[in-house]
């Protein structure tokens, strides 16, 4: 399930997924965006991702959202730091 939670932030809820499946999806999304950006330079896509996993997460959704949000902002900060050091992606 994909839902827009605010502005340009979306959440992808994977039900009955393993932690490995979550990690694999993040790698797949990142690789797809990188491939797209490598093919064209006019309008690169910048994406910050965060994830959280718990095998029985229904009672802990607030904590999972907070964890994923913190990871996303850490990813965003790292990308900005890299852009300042090495130029734009």
Protein backbone atom coordinates (compact mmCIF):
# COMPACT_ATOMS: atom_id res chain seq x y z
CA UNK A 1 0.00 0.00 0.00
CA UNK A 2 1.36 3.44 -0.93
CA UNK A 3 -0.04 6.60 0.66
CA UNK A 4 0.86 10.27 0.58
CA UNK A 5 1.30 11.44 4.14
CA UNK A 6 2.22 15.09 3.50
CA UNK A 7 3.59 17.34 0.80
CA UNK A 8 6.19 15.27 -0.99
CA UNK A 9 6.35 12.46 1.57
CA UNK A 10 4.94 9.03 0.91
CA UNK A 11 4.80 5.82 2.89
CA UNK A 12 4.94 2.31 1.50
CA UNK A 13 3.46 -0.26 3.85
CA UNK A 14 4.57 -3.83 3.18
CA UNK A 15 2.36 -6.36 4.95
CA UNK A 16 3.81 -9.79 5.75
CA UNK A 17 7.20 -8.76 4.36
CA UNK A 18 10.54 -9.84 5.71
CA UNK A 19 13.24 -7.36 6.69
CA UNK A 20 15.26 -8.66 3.76
CA UNK A 21 12.37 -7.87 1.39
CA UNK A 22 12.26 -4.30 2.72
CA UNK A 23 16.02 -3.91 2.21
CA UNK A 24 15.78 -5.41 -1.30
CA UNK A 25 13.03 -2.98 -2.26
CA UNK A 26 15.08 0.00 -1.10
CA UNK A 27 18.02 -1.23 -3.18
CA UNK A 28 15.75 -1.70 -6.19
CA UNK A 29 14.25 1.80 -5.87
CA UNK A 30 17.67 3.39 -5.40
CA UNK A 31 19.13 1.50 -8.38
CA UNK A 32 16.20 2.48 -10.61
CA UNK A 33 16.59 6.16 -9.71
CA UNK A 34 20.38 6.00 -10.22
CA UNK A 35 19.93 4.33 -13.63
CA UNK A 36 17.43 7.00 -14.65
CA UNK A 37 19.73 9.81 -13.51
CA UNK A 38 22.71 8.28 -15.32
CA UNK A 39 20.76 8.20 -18.60
CA UNK A 40 19.84 11.88 -18.51
CA UNK A 41 21.18 14.93 -16.69
CA UNK A 42 18.54 17.57 -17.32
CA UNK A 43 16.18 16.73 -14.49
CA UNK A 44 17.72 14.28 -12.06
CA UNK A 45 15.51 12.77 -9.41
CA UNK A 46 16.65 13.18 -5.82
CA UNK A 47 15.12 10.84 -3.32
CA UNK A 48 15.66 10.36 0.40
CA UNK A 49 14.59 7.05 1.84
CA UNK A 50 14.04 5.73 5.32
CA UNK A 51 12.74 2.38 6.49
CA UNK A 52 11.68 0.60 9.61
CA UNK A 53 10.80 -3.02 10.23
CA UNK A 54 9.14 -5.03 12.93
CA UNK A 55 7.70 -8.49 12.52
CA UNK A 56 4.60 -7.63 14.58
CA UNK A 57 4.29 -3.94 13.87
CA UNK A 58 0.55 -3.25 14.08
CA UNK A 59 0.81 -2.03 17.66
CA UNK A 60 4.00 -0.06 17.01
CA UNK A 61 3.15 1.97 13.91
CA UNK A 62 3.88 5.34 15.51
CA UNK A 63 7.35 4.21 16.51
CA UNK A 64 8.00 2.67 13.09
CA UNK A 65 6.98 5.89 11.33
CA UNK A 66 9.26 7.90 13.62
CA UNK A 67 12.18 5.54 12.94
CA UNK A 68 11.67 5.62 9.16
CA UNK A 69 11.27 9.41 9.23
CA UNK A 70 14.52 9.83 11.17
CA UNK A 71 16.32 7.59 8.66
CA UNK A 72 14.88 9.56 5.74
CA UNK A 73 16.10 12.87 7.18
CA UNK A 74 19.53 11.36 7.88
CA UNK A 75 19.67 10.19 4.25
CA UNK A 76 18.64 13.66 3.08
CA UNK A 77 21.33 15.30 5.22
CA UNK A 78 23.97 12.90 3.89
CA UNK A 79 22.97 13.68 0.29
CA UNK A 80 23.21 17.43 0.94
CA UNK A 81 26.61 16.97 2.57
CA UNK A 82 27.78 14.92 -0.44
CA UNK A 83 26.50 17.56 -2.87
CA UNK A 84 28.50 20.28 -1.07
CA UNK A 85 31.63 18.10 -1.08
CA UNK A 86 31.45 16.59 -4.56
CA UNK A 87 28.98 18.70 -6.54
CA UNK A 88 25.41 17.82 -7.45
CA UNK A 89 24.35 14.22 -8.08
